[in-house]
Amino acid sequence: MAFLIVEDDAAVADALRGLLSAAGFEVRAFSSGEAFLLAGPPSGADTVVIDLGLPGVSGATLIQWLGALADPPRVVVISGKSSRLIEREIAGLSPVQVLRKPPAADWFEAIAG
């Protein structure tokens, strides 16, 4: 089981990587949707943390791709967008957990739980 972080904000990605690594989890971070896709599909045991507002390949596109896998991973969306915009972007996609930016103390429990 690994945590895969797809986040273009280096500070957010580093904070999540540090938090999860310190707890003993395997963590890989990608700065773009394109880099994530080039790494190949994750396993169904993995958790993918996706920034919804990625440039290029969007977070919503990645969620759709992950949902179509034979053994899809758990997906957690992070976003600083308004709740209404988030709901609009993920409408019709596989159910995902959504966490709002900026990062909060309860993120670790929500992501690792």
PDB file of N, CA and C in Angstrom:
ATOM      1  N   MET A   1       0.840  -1.182   0.000  1.00  0.00           N
ATOM      2  CA  MET A   1       0.000   0.000   0.000  1.00  0.00           C
ATOM      3  C   MET A   1       0.881   1.239   0.000  1.00  0.00           C
ATOM      4  N   ALA A   2       0.584   2.156  -0.904  1.00  0.00           N
ATOM      5  CA  ALA A   2       1.334   3.408  -1.010  1.00  0.00           C
ATOM      6  C   ALA A   2       0.357   4.569  -1.103  1.00  0.00           C
ATOM      7  N   PHE A   3       0.843   5.728  -0.738  1.00  0.00           N
ATOM      8  CA  PHE A   3       0.099   6.968  -0.928  1.00  0.00           C
ATOM      9  C   PHE A   3       0.756   7.698  -2.074  1.00  0.00           C
ATOM     10  N   LEU A   4      -0.037   8.023  -3.083  1.00  0.00           N
ATOM     11  CA  LEU A   4       0.446   8.736  -4.257  1.00  0.00           C
ATOM     12  C   LEU A   4      -0.179  10.122  -4.235  1.00  0.00           C
ATOM     13  N   ILE A   5       0.655  11.135  -4.220  1.00  0.00           N
ATOM     14  CA  ILE A   5       0.191  12.518  -4.130  1.00  0.00           C
ATOM     15  C   ILE A   5       0.386  13.184  -5.481  1.00  0.00           C
ATOM     16  N   VAL A   6      -0.691  13.756  -6.022  1.00  0.00           N
ATOM     17  CA  VAL A   6      -0.615  14.481  -7.288  1.00  0.00           C
ATOM     18  C   VAL A   6      -0.985  15.931  -6.962  1.00  0.00           C
ATOM     19  N   GLU A   7       0.032  16.764  -6.812  1.00  0.00           N
ATOM     20  CA  GLU A   7      -0.157  18.136  -6.323  1.00  0.00           C
ATOM     21  C   GLU A   7       0.906  19.032  -6.931  1.00  0.00           C
ATOM     22  N   ASP A   8       0.476  20.123  -7.579  1.00  0.00           N
ATOM     23  CA  ASP A   8       1.427  21.034  -8.210  1.00  0.00           C
ATOM     24  C   ASP A   8       2.004  22.072  -7.250  1.00  0.00           C
ATOM     25  N   ASP A   9       1.425  22.229  -6.076  1.00  0.00           N
ATOM     26  CA  ASP A   9       1.953  23.147  -5.065  1.00  0.00           C
ATOM     27  C   ASP A   9       2.980  22.377  -4.235  1.00  0.00           C
ATOM     28  N   ALA A  10       4.255  22.709  -4.428  1.00  0.00           N
ATOM     29  CA  ALA A  10       5.335  21.960  -3.778  1.00  0.00           C
ATOM     30  C   ALA A  10       5.217  21.970  -2.253  1.00  0.00           C
ATOM     31  N   ALA A  11       4.777  23.074  -1.672  1.00  0.00           N
ATOM     32  CA  ALA A  11       4.664  23.154  -0.217  1.00  0.00           C
ATOM     33  C   ALA A  11       3.610  22.184   0.308  1.00  0.00           C
ATOM     34  N   VAL A  12       2.473  22.097  -0.368  1.00  0.00           N
ATOM     35  CA  VAL A  12       1.415  21.170   0.047  1.00  0.00           C
ATOM     36  C   VAL A  12       1.883  19.732  -0.137  1.00  0.00           C
ATOM     37  N   ALA A  13       2.503  19.443  -1.282  1.00  0.00           N
ATOM     38  CA  ALA A  13       2.999  18.086  -1.550  1.00  0.00           C
ATOM     39  C   ALA A  13       4.043  17.676  -0.514  1.00  0.00           C
ATOM     40  N   ASP A  14       4.965  18.578  -0.188  1.00  0.00           N
ATOM     41  CA  ASP A  14       6.008  18.276   0.802  1.00  0.00           C
ATOM     42  C   ASP A  14       5.405  18.045   2.184  1.00  0.00           C
ATOM     43  N   ALA A  15       4.412  18.852   2.550  1.00  0.00           N
ATOM     44  CA  ALA A  15       3.775  18.684   3.858  1.00  0.00           C
ATOM     45  C   ALA A  15       3.079  17.330   3.953  1.00  0.00           C
ATOM     46  N   LEU A  16       2.342  16.961   2.913  1.00  0.00           N
ATOM     47  CA  LEU A  16       1.669  15.661   2.915  1.00  0.00           C
ATOM     48  C   LEU A  16       2.675  14.515   2.909  1.00  0.00           C
ATOM     49  N   ARG A  17       3.697  14.636   2.099  1.00  0.00           N
ATOM     50  CA  ARG A  17       4.731  13.592   2.037  1.00  0.00           C
ATOM     51  C   ARG A  17       5.390  13.412   3.401  1.00  0.00           C
ATOM     52  N   GLY A  18       5.736  14.506   4.039  1.00  0.00           N
ATOM     53  CA  GLY A  18       6.372  14.435   5.354  1.00  0.00           C
ATOM     54  C   GLY A  18       5.477  13.818   6.405  1.00  0.00           C
ATOM     55  N   LEU A  19       4.214  14.217   6.408  1.00  0.00           N
ATOM     56  CA  LEU A  19       3.249  13.708   7.372  1.00  0.00           C
ATOM     57  C   LEU A  19       3.057  12.203   7.224  1.00  0.00           C
ATOM     58  N   LEU A  20       2.862  11.752   6.001  1.00  0.00           N
ATOM     59  CA  LEU A  20       2.608  10.331   5.756  1.00  0.00           C
ATOM     60  C   LEU A  20       3.881   9.490   5.911  1.00  0.00           C
ATOM     61  N   SER A  21       5.019  10.008   5.467  1.00  0.00           N
ATOM     62  CA  SER A  21       6.290   9.286   5.617  1.00  0.00           C
ATOM     63  C   SER A  21       6.653   9.113   7.086  1.00  0.00           C
ATOM     64  N   ALA A  22       6.429  10.150   7.879  1.00  0.00           N
ATOM     65  CA  ALA A  22       6.732  10.076   9.313  1.00  0.00           C
ATOM     66  C   ALA A  22       5.899   9.009  10.013  1.00  0.00           C
ATOM     67  N   ALA A  23       4.740   8.713   9.460  1.00  0.00           N
ATOM     68  CA  ALA A  23       3.879   7.677  10.029  1.00  0.00           C
ATOM     69  C   ALA A  23       4.235   6.290   9.492  1.00  0.00           C
ATOM     70  N   GLY A  24       5.275   6.223   8.648  1.00  0.00           N
ATOM     71  CA  GLY A  24       5.755   4.941   8.161  1.00  0.00           C
ATOM     72  C   GLY A  24       5.171   4.479   6.839  1.00  0.00           C
ATOM     73  N   PHE A  25       4.432   5.336   6.165  1.00  0.00           N
ATOM     74  CA  PHE A  25       3.828   4.953   4.894  1.00  0.00           C
ATOM     75  C   PHE A  25       4.791   5.197   3.728  1.00  0.00           C
ATOM     76  N   GLU A  26       4.667   4.377   2.687  1.00  0.00           N
ATOM     77  CA  GLU A  26       5.376   4.617   1.437  1.00  0.00           C
ATOM     78  C   GLU A  26       4.639   5.741   0.716  1.00  0.00           C
ATOM     79  N   VAL A  27       5.367   6.753   0.284  1.00  0.00           N
ATOM     80  CA  VAL A  27       4.753   7.920  -0.356  1.00  0.00           C
ATOM     81  C   VAL A  27       5.533   8.268  -1.619  1.00  0.00           C
ATOM     82  N   ARG A  28       4.788   8.526  -2.699  1.00  0.00           N
ATOM     83  CA  ARG A  28       5.378   9.055  -3.927  1.00  0.00           C
ATOM     84  C   ARG A  28       4.572  10.291  -4.307  1.00  0.00           C
ATOM     85  N   ALA A  29       5.267  11.323  -4.731  1.00  0.00           N
ATOM     86  CA  ALA A  29       4.595  12.561  -5.108  1.00  0.00           C
ATOM     87  C   ALA A  29       4.877  12.890  -6.570  1.00  0.00           C
ATOM     88  N   PHE A  30       3.872  13.451  -7.220  1.00  0.00           N
ATOM     89  CA  PHE A  30       3.955  13.849  -8.617  1.00  0.00           C
ATOM     90  C   PHE A  30       3.503  15.294  -8.721  1.00  0.00           C
ATOM     91  N   SER A  31       4.225  16.108  -9.480  1.00  0.00           N
ATOM     92  CA  SER A  31       3.893  17.529  -9.583  1.00  0.00           C
ATOM     93  C   SER A  31       2.888  17.832 -10.686  1.00  0.00           C
ATOM     94  N   SER A  32       2.482  16.799 -11.427  1.00  0.00           N
ATOM     95  CA  SER A  32       1.505  17.015 -12.492  1.00  0.00           C
ATOM     96  C   SER A  32       0.738  15.731 -12.770  1.00  0.00           C
ATOM     97  N   GLY A  33      -0.408  15.881 -13.392  1.00  0.00           N
ATOM     98  CA  GLY A  33      -1.186  14.722 -13.805  1.00  0.00           C
ATOM     99  C   GLY A  33      -0.443  13.911 -14.841  1.00  0.00           C
ATOM    100  N   GLU A  34       0.281  14.586 -15.707  1.00  0.00           N
ATOM    101  CA  GLU A  34       1.040  13.900 -16.749  1.00  0.00           C
ATOM    102  C   GLU A  34       2.112  12.991 -16.136  1.00  0.00           C
ATOM    103  N   ALA A  35       2.837  13.500 -15.143  1.00  0.00           N
ATOM    104  CA  ALA A  35       3.875  12.696 -14.483  1.00  0.00           C
ATOM    105  C   ALA A  35       3.254  11.483 -13.779  1.00  0.00           C
ATOM    106  N   PHE A  36       2.115  11.685 -13.176  1.00  0.00           N
ATOM    107  CA  PHE A  36       1.417  10.586 -12.512  1.00  0.00           C
ATOM    108  C   PHE A  36       1.028   9.503 -13.526  1.00  0.00           C
ATOM    109  N   LEU A  37       0.456   9.900 -14.643  1.00  0.00           N
ATOM    110  CA  LEU A  37       0.037   8.932 -15.660  1.00  0.00           C
ATOM    111  C   LEU A  37       1.227   8.164 -16.242  1.00  0.00           C
ATOM    112  N   LEU A  38       2.353   8.833 -16.407  1.00  0.00           N
ATOM    113  CA  LEU A  38       3.552   8.173 -16.946  1.00  0.00           C
ATOM    114  C   LEU A  38       4.091   7.101 -16.001  1.00  0.00           C
ATOM    115  N   ALA A  39       3.806   7.220 -14.713  1.00  0.00           N
ATOM    116  CA  ALA A  39       4.292   6.251 -13.724  1.00  0.00           C
ATOM    117  C   ALA A  39       3.540   4.930 -13.790  1.00  0.00           C
ATOM    118  N   GLY A  40       2.426   4.905 -14.486  1.00  0.00           N
ATOM    119  CA  GLY A  40       1.637   3.679 -14.592  1.00  0.00           C
ATOM    120  C   GLY A  40       0.551   3.632 -13.528  1.00  0.00           C
ATOM    121  N   PRO A  41      -0.394   2.716 -13.699  1.00  0.00           N
ATOM    122  CA  PRO A  41      -1.543   2.680 -12.792  1.00  0.00           C
ATOM    123  C   PRO A  41      -1.178   2.223 -11.376  1.00  0.00           C
ATOM    124  N   PRO A  42      -1.816   2.804 -10.384  1.00  0.00           N
ATOM    125  CA  PRO A  42      -1.606   2.372  -9.002  1.00  0.00           C
ATOM    126  C   PRO A  42      -2.360   1.070  -8.747  1.00  0.00           C
ATOM    127  N   SER A  43      -2.080   0.446  -7.625  1.00  0.00           N
ATOM    128  CA  SER A  43      -2.810  -0.771  -7.267  1.00  0.00           C
ATOM    129  C   SER A  43      -4.085  -0.388  -6.512  1.00  0.00           C
ATOM    130  N   GLY A  44      -4.971  -1.320  -6.403  1.00  0.00           N
ATOM    131  CA  GLY A  44      -6.220  -1.085  -5.681  1.00  0.00           C
ATOM    132  C   GLY A  44      -6.017  -0.859  -4.199  1.00  0.00           C
ATOM    133  N   ALA A  45      -4.860  -1.242  -3.672  1.00  0.00           N
ATOM    134  CA  ALA A  45      -4.563  -1.041  -2.249  1.00  0.00           C
ATOM    135  C   ALA A  45      -4.026   0.359  -1.960  1.00  0.00           C
ATOM    136  N   ASP A  46      -3.680   1.093  -3.005  1.00  0.00           N
ATOM    137  CA  ASP A  46      -3.106   2.429  -2.837  1.00  0.00           C
ATOM    138  C   ASP A  46      -4.183   3.478  -2.566  1.00  0.00           C
ATOM    139  N   THR A  47      -3.729   4.621  -2.068  1.00  0.00           N
ATOM    140  CA  THR A  47      -4.573   5.804  -1.936  1.00  0.00           C
ATOM    141  C   THR A  47      -3.938   6.906  -2.771  1.00  0.00           C
ATOM    142  N   VAL A  48      -4.732   7.523  -3.636  1.00  0.00           N
ATOM    143  CA  VAL A  48      -4.240   8.605  -4.485  1.00  0.00           C
ATOM    144  C   VAL A  48      -4.866   9.910  -4.002  1.00  0.00           C
ATOM    145  N   VAL A  49      -4.015  10.852  -3.631  1.00  0.00           N
ATOM    146  CA  VAL A  49      -4.447  12.180  -3.183  1.00  0.00           C
ATOM    147  C   VAL A  49      -4.246  13.115  -4.362  1.00  0.00           C
ATOM    148  N   ILE A  50      -5.345  13.685  -4.854  1.00  0.00           N
ATOM    149  CA  ILE A  50      -5.305  14.477  -6.084  1.00  0.00           C
ATOM    150  C   ILE A  50      -5.769  15.910  -5.846  1.00  0.00           C
ATOM    151  N   ASP A  51      -4.954  16.853  -6.280  1.00  0.00           N
ATOM    152  CA  ASP A  51      -5.368  18.256  -6.309  1.00  0.00           C
ATOM    153  C   ASP A  51      -6.333  18.401  -7.477  1.00  0.00           C
ATOM    154  N   LEU A  52      -7.520  18.892  -7.205  1.00  0.00           N
ATOM    155  CA  LEU A  52      -8.525  19.031  -8.249  1.00  0.00           C
ATOM    156  C   LEU A  52      -8.133  20.086  -9.277  1.00  0.00           C
ATOM    157  N   GLY A  53      -7.370  21.095  -8.858  1.00  0.00           N
ATOM    158  CA  GLY A  53      -7.028  22.210  -9.737  1.00  0.00           C
ATOM    159  C   GLY A  53      -5.672  22.095 -10.393  1.00  0.00           C
ATOM    160  N   LEU A  54      -5.334  20.930 -10.886  1.00  0.00           N
ATOM    161  CA  LEU A  54      -4.048  20.758 -11.565  1.00  0.00           C
ATOM    162  C   LEU A  54      -4.056  21.434 -12.939  1.00  0.00           C
ATOM    163  N   PRO A  55      -2.923  22.018 -13.350  1.00  0.00           N
ATOM    164  CA  PRO A  55      -2.824  22.493 -14.728  1.00  0.00           C
ATOM    165  C   PRO A  55      -2.607  21.293 -15.642  1.00  0.00           C
ATOM    166  N   GLY A  56      -2.892  21.433 -16.907  1.00  0.00           N
ATOM    167  CA  GLY A  56      -2.718  20.313 -17.838  1.00  0.00           C
ATOM    168  C   GLY A  56      -3.803  19.269 -17.613  1.00  0.00           C
ATOM    169  N   VAL A  57      -3.399  18.027 -17.390  1.00  0.00           N
ATOM    170  CA  VAL A  57      -4.368  16.966 -17.102  1.00  0.00           C
ATOM    171  C   VAL A  57      -5.001  17.286 -15.756  1.00  0.00           C
ATOM    172  N   SER A  58      -6.303  17.509 -15.759  1.00  0.00           N
ATOM    173  CA  SER A  58      -6.996  17.961 -14.546  1.00  0.00           C
ATOM    174  C   SER A  58      -7.185  16.839 -13.531  1.00  0.00           C
ATOM    175  N   GLY A  59      -7.438  17.252 -12.299  1.00  0.00           N
ATOM    176  CA  GLY A  59      -7.750  16.281 -11.259  1.00  0.00           C
ATOM    177  C   GLY A  59      -8.979  15.467 -11.609  1.00  0.00           C
ATOM    178  N   ALA A  60      -9.988  16.092 -12.174  1.00  0.00           N
ATOM    179  CA  ALA A  60     -11.208  15.379 -12.554  1.00  0.00           C
ATOM    180  C   ALA A  60     -10.917  14.309 -13.612  1.00  0.00           C
ATOM    181  N   THR A  61     -10.038  14.615 -14.550  1.00  0.00           N
ATOM    182  CA  THR A  61      -9.654  13.634 -15.572  1.00  0.00           C
ATOM    183  C   THR A  61      -8.946  12.451 -14.929  1.00  0.00           C
ATOM    184  N   LEU A  62      -8.075  12.717 -13.962  1.00  0.00           N
ATOM    185  CA  LEU A  62      -7.384  11.627 -13.262  1.00  0.00           C
ATOM    186  C   LEU A  62      -8.367  10.766 -12.476  1.00  0.00           C
ATOM    187  N   ILE A  63      -9.340  11.392 -11.830  1.00  0.00           N
ATOM    188  CA  ILE A  63     -10.347  10.637 -11.074  1.00  0.00           C
ATOM    189  C   ILE A  63     -11.114   9.723 -12.019  1.00  0.00           C
ATOM    190  N   GLN A  64     -11.478  10.235 -13.170  1.00  0.00           N
ATOM    191  CA  GLN A  64     -12.201   9.439 -14.157  1.00  0.00           C
ATOM    192  C   GLN A  64     -11.350   8.256 -14.620  1.00  0.00           C
ATOM    193  N   TRP A  65     -10.083   8.488 -14.909  1.00  0.00           N
ATOM    194  CA  TRP A  65      -9.164   7.439 -15.349  1.00  0.00           C
ATOM    195  C   TRP A  65      -9.016   6.375 -14.260  1.00  0.00           C
ATOM    196  N   LEU A  66      -8.823   6.819 -13.012  1.00  0.00           N
ATOM    197  CA  LEU A  66      -8.662   5.877 -11.901  1.00  0.00           C
ATOM    198  C   LEU A  66      -9.920   5.039 -11.695  1.00  0.00           C
ATOM    199  N   GLY A  67     -11.076   5.662 -11.825  1.00  0.00           N
ATOM    200  CA  GLY A  67     -12.341   4.956 -11.645  1.00  0.00           C
ATOM    201  C   GLY A  67     -12.582   3.891 -12.688  1.00  0.00           C
ATOM    202  N   ALA A  68     -11.946   4.020 -13.838  1.00  0.00           N
ATOM    203  CA  ALA A  68     -12.118   3.045 -14.917  1.00  0.00           C
ATOM    204  C   ALA A  68     -11.168   1.859 -14.802  1.00  0.00           C
ATOM    205  N   LEU A  69     -10.231   1.896 -13.855  1.00  0.00           N
ATOM    206  CA  LEU A  69      -9.297   0.786 -13.680  1.00  0.00           C
ATOM    207  C   LEU A  69     -10.036  -0.448 -13.165  1.00  0.00           C
ATOM    208  N   ALA A  70      -9.522  -1.622 -13.492  1.00  0.00           N
ATOM    209  CA  ALA A  70     -10.139  -2.871 -13.031  1.00  0.00           C
ATOM    210  C   ALA A  70     -10.143  -2.962 -11.504  1.00  0.00           C
ATOM    211  N   ASP A  71      -9.084  -2.455 -10.862  1.00  0.00           N
ATOM    212  CA  ASP A  71      -8.980  -2.449  -9.402  1.00  0.00           C
ATOM    213  C   ASP A  71      -8.612  -1.025  -8.970  1.00  0.00           C
ATOM    214  N   PRO A  72      -9.598  -0.130  -8.910  1.00  0.00           N
ATOM    215  CA  PRO A  72      -9.279   1.275  -8.636  1.00  0.00           C
ATOM    216  C   PRO A  72      -8.810   1.502  -7.199  1.00  0.00           C
ATOM    217  N   PRO A  73      -7.918   2.459  -7.027  1.00  0.00           N
ATOM    218  CA  PRO A  73      -7.451   2.807  -5.690  1.00  0.00           C
ATOM    219  C   PRO A  73      -8.471   3.711  -4.986  1.00  0.00           C
ATOM    220  N   ARG A  74      -8.266   3.921  -3.713  1.00  0.00           N
ATOM    221  CA  ARG A  74      -9.034   4.922  -2.974  1.00  0.00           C
ATOM    222  C   ARG A  74      -8.549   6.295  -3.449  1.00  0.00           C
ATOM    223  N   VAL A  75      -9.473   7.240  -3.608  1.00  0.00           N
ATOM    224  CA  VAL A  75      -9.119   8.576  -4.075  1.00  0.00           C
ATOM    225  C   VAL A  75      -9.565   9.617  -3.052  1.00  0.00           C
ATOM    226  N   VAL A  76      -8.658  10.520  -2.728  1.00  0.00           N
ATOM    227  CA  VAL A  76      -8.954  11.665  -1.869  1.00  0.00           C
ATOM    228  C   VAL A  76      -8.639  12.910  -2.687  1.00  0.00           C
ATOM    229  N   VAL A  77      -9.600  13.812  -2.776  1.00  0.00           N
ATOM    230  CA  VAL A  77      -9.429  15.059  -3.517  1.00  0.00           C
ATOM    231  C   VAL A  77      -9.092  16.179  -2.541  1.00  0.00           C
ATOM    232  N   ILE A  78      -8.114  17.009  -2.909  1.00  0.00           N
ATOM    233  CA  ILE A  78      -7.827  18.217  -2.140  1.00  0.00           C
ATOM    234  C   ILE A  78      -8.018  19.407  -3.065  1.00  0.00           C
ATOM    235  N   SER A  79      -8.617  20.462  -2.527  1.00  0.00           N
ATOM    236  CA  SER A  79      -8.882  21.624  -3.372  1.00  0.00           C
ATOM    237  C   SER A  79      -9.127  22.867  -2.531  1.00  0.00           C
ATOM    238  N   GLY A  80      -8.726  23.984  -3.080  1.00  0.00           N
ATOM    239  CA  GLY A  80      -9.011  25.272  -2.474  1.00  0.00           C
ATOM    240  C   GLY A  80     -10.206  25.951  -3.127  1.00  0.00           C
ATOM    241  N   LYS A  81     -10.846  25.261  -4.068  1.00  0.00           N
ATOM    242  CA  LYS A  81     -12.012  25.818  -4.756  1.00  0.00           C
ATOM    243  C   LYS A  81     -13.221  25.820  -3.830  1.00  0.00           C
ATOM    244  N   SER A  82     -14.229  26.566  -4.211  1.00  0.00           N
ATOM    245  CA  SER A  82     -15.462  26.599  -3.425  1.00  0.00           C
ATOM    246  C   SER A  82     -16.152  25.237  -3.494  1.00  0.00           C
ATOM    247  N   SER A  83     -16.954  24.952  -2.503  1.00  0.00           N
ATOM    248  CA  SER A  83     -17.680  23.675  -2.460  1.00  0.00           C
ATOM    249  C   SER A  83     -18.525  23.484  -3.707  1.00  0.00           C
ATOM    250  N   ARG A  84     -19.140  24.548  -4.174  1.00  0.00           N
ATOM    251  CA  ARG A  84     -19.982  24.463  -5.374  1.00  0.00           C
ATOM    252  C   ARG A  84     -19.182  24.079  -6.609  1.00  0.00           C
ATOM    253  N   LEU A  85     -18.009  24.694  -6.777  1.00  0.00           N
ATOM    254  CA  LEU A  85     -17.161  24.347  -7.923  1.00  0.00           C
ATOM    255  C   LEU A  85     -16.642  22.916  -7.819  1.00  0.00           C
ATOM    256  N   ILE A  86     -16.281  22.500  -6.612  1.00  0.00           N
ATOM    257  CA  ILE A  86     -15.808  21.129  -6.412  1.00  0.00           C
ATOM    258  C   ILE A  86     -16.909  20.148  -6.798  1.00  0.00           C
ATOM    259  N   GLU A  87     -18.111  20.380  -6.299  1.00  0.00           N
ATOM    260  CA  GLU A  87     -19.234  19.486  -6.607  1.00  0.00           C
ATOM    261  C   GLU A  87     -19.490  19.413  -8.114  1.00  0.00           C
ATOM    262  N   ARG A  88     -19.381  20.547  -8.787  1.00  0.00           N
ATOM    263  CA  ARG A  88     -19.599  20.583 -10.229  1.00  0.00           C
ATOM    264  C   ARG A  88     -18.529  19.763 -10.960  1.00  0.00           C
ATOM    265  N   GLU A  89     -17.276  19.891 -10.529  1.00  0.00           N
ATOM    266  CA  GLU A  89     -16.189  19.189 -11.214  1.00  0.00           C
ATOM    267  C   GLU A  89     -16.192  17.684 -10.980  1.00  0.00           C
ATOM    268  N   ILE A  90     -16.669  17.243  -9.820  1.00  0.00           N
ATOM    269  CA  ILE A  90     -16.644  15.801  -9.542  1.00  0.00           C
ATOM    270  C   ILE A  90     -17.998  15.126  -9.777  1.00  0.00           C
ATOM    271  N   ALA A  91     -18.988  15.892 -10.214  1.00  0.00           N
ATOM    272  CA  ALA A  91     -20.313  15.318 -10.484  1.00  0.00           C
ATOM    273  C   ALA A  91     -20.192  14.205 -11.522  1.00  0.00           C
ATOM    274  N   GLY A  92     -20.805  13.081 -11.235  1.00  0.00           N
ATOM    275  CA  GLY A  92     -20.810  11.961 -12.156  1.00  0.00           C
ATOM    276  C   GLY A  92     -19.568  11.086 -12.112  1.00  0.00           C
ATOM    277  N   LEU A  93     -18.592  11.450 -11.293  1.00  0.00           N
ATOM    278  CA  LEU A  93     -17.380  10.644 -11.164  1.00  0.00           C
ATOM    279  C   LEU A  93     -17.532   9.660 -10.013  1.00  0.00           C
ATOM    280  N   SER A  94     -16.599   8.731  -9.914  1.00  0.00           N
ATOM    281  CA  SER A  94     -16.605   7.789  -8.797  1.00  0.00           C
ATOM    282  C   SER A  94     -16.616   8.575  -7.486  1.00  0.00           C
ATOM    283  N   PRO A  95     -17.293   8.066  -6.469  1.00  0.00           N
ATOM    284  CA  PRO A  95     -17.312   8.774  -5.185  1.00  0.00           C
ATOM    285  C   PRO A  95     -15.898   8.960  -4.636  1.00  0.00           C
ATOM    286  N   VAL A  96     -15.626  10.156  -4.158  1.00  0.00           N
ATOM    287  CA  VAL A  96     -14.318  10.478  -3.596  1.00  0.00           C
ATOM    288  C   VAL A  96     -14.508  11.251  -2.301  1.00  0.00           C
ATOM    289  N   GLN A  97     -13.497  11.197  -1.472  1.00  0.00           N
ATOM    290  CA  GLN A  97     -13.464  12.013  -0.259  1.00  0.00           C
ATOM    291  C   GLN A  97     -12.847  13.355  -0.643  1.00  0.00           C
ATOM    292  N   VAL A  98     -13.397  14.451  -0.127  1.00  0.00           N
ATOM    293  CA  VAL A  98     -12.900  15.781  -0.472  1.00  0.00           C
ATOM    294  C   VAL A  98     -12.404  16.491   0.782  1.00  0.00           C
ATOM    295  N   LEU A  99     -11.192  17.028   0.706  1.00  0.00           N
ATOM    296  CA  LEU A  99     -10.617  17.841   1.771  1.00  0.00           C
ATOM    297  C   LEU A  99     -10.324  19.220   1.205  1.00  0.00           C
ATOM    298  N   ARG A 100     -10.684  20.246   1.957  1.00  0.00           N
ATOM    299  CA  ARG A 100     -10.480  21.625   1.503  1.00  0.00           C
ATOM    300  C   ARG A 100      -9.117  22.148   1.929  1.00  0.00           C
ATOM    301  N   LYS A 101      -8.479  22.886   1.028  1.00  0.00           N
ATOM    302  CA  LYS A 101      -7.232  23.584   1.341  1.00  0.00           C
ATOM    303  C   LYS A 101      -7.589  24.871   2.066  1.00  0.00           C
ATOM    304  N   PRO A 102      -6.746  25.388   2.904  1.00  0.00           N
ATOM    305  CA  PRO A 102      -5.396  24.937   3.217  1.00  0.00           C
ATOM    306  C   PRO A 102      -5.423  23.691   4.099  1.00  0.00           C
ATOM    307  N   PRO A 103      -4.294  22.969   4.150  1.00  0.00           N
ATOM    308  CA  PRO A 103      -4.236  21.760   4.973  1.00  0.00           C
ATOM    309  C   PRO A 103      -4.606  22.044   6.422  1.00  0.00           C
ATOM    310  N   ALA A 104      -5.268  21.104   7.035  1.00  0.00           N
ATOM    311  CA  ALA A 104      -5.688  21.239   8.434  1.00  0.00           C
ATOM    312  C   ALA A 104      -5.185  20.057   9.232  1.00  0.00           C
ATOM    313  N   ALA A 105      -5.260  20.171  10.542  1.00  0.00           N
ATOM    314  CA  ALA A 105      -4.759  19.124  11.447  1.00  0.00           C
ATOM    315  C   ALA A 105      -5.441  17.790  11.228  1.00  0.00           C
ATOM    316  N   ASP A 106      -6.691  17.800  10.759  1.00  0.00           N
ATOM    317  CA  ASP A 106      -7.431  16.546  10.593  1.00  0.00           C
ATOM    318  C   ASP A 106      -7.153  15.865   9.252  1.00  0.00           C
ATOM    319  N   TRP A 107      -6.304  16.438   8.408  1.00  0.00           N
ATOM    320  CA  TRP A 107      -6.030  15.838   7.111  1.00  0.00           C
ATOM    321  C   TRP A 107      -5.398  14.462   7.256  1.00  0.00           C
ATOM    322  N   PHE A 108      -4.458  14.310   8.181  1.00  0.00           N
ATOM    323  CA  PHE A 108      -3.773  13.020   8.315  1.00  0.00           C
ATOM    324  C   PHE A 108      -4.774  11.911   8.593  1.00  0.00           C
ATOM    325  N   GLU A 109      -5.635  12.123   9.555  1.00  0.00           N
ATOM    326  CA  GLU A 109      -6.637  11.106   9.898  1.00  0.00           C
ATOM    327  C   GLU A 109      -7.557  10.822   8.717  1.00  0.00           C
ATOM    328  N   ALA A 110      -7.948  11.863   8.004  1.00  0.00           N
ATOM    329  CA  ALA A 110      -8.845  11.689   6.859  1.00  0.00           C
ATOM    330  C   ALA A 110      -8.178  10.949   5.716  1.00  0.00           C
ATOM    331  N   ILE A 111      -6.896  11.215   5.477  1.00  0.00           N
ATOM    332  CA  ILE A 111      -6.185  10.581   4.367  1.00  0.00           C
ATOM    333  C   ILE A 111      -5.721   9.174   4.745  1.00  0.00           C
ATOM    334  N   ALA A 112      -5.121   9.033   5.904  1.00  0.00           N
ATOM    335  CA  ALA A 112      -4.557   7.743   6.300  1.00  0.00           C
ATOM    336  C   ALA A 112      -5.611   6.798   6.861  1.00  0.00           C
ATOM    337  N   GLY A 113      -6.733   7.344   7.281  1.00  0.00           N
ATOM    338  CA  GLY A 113      -7.778   6.522   7.919  1.00  0.00           C
ATOM    339  C   GLY A 113      -8.467   5.694   6.963  1.00  0.00           C
TER     340      GLY A 113
END
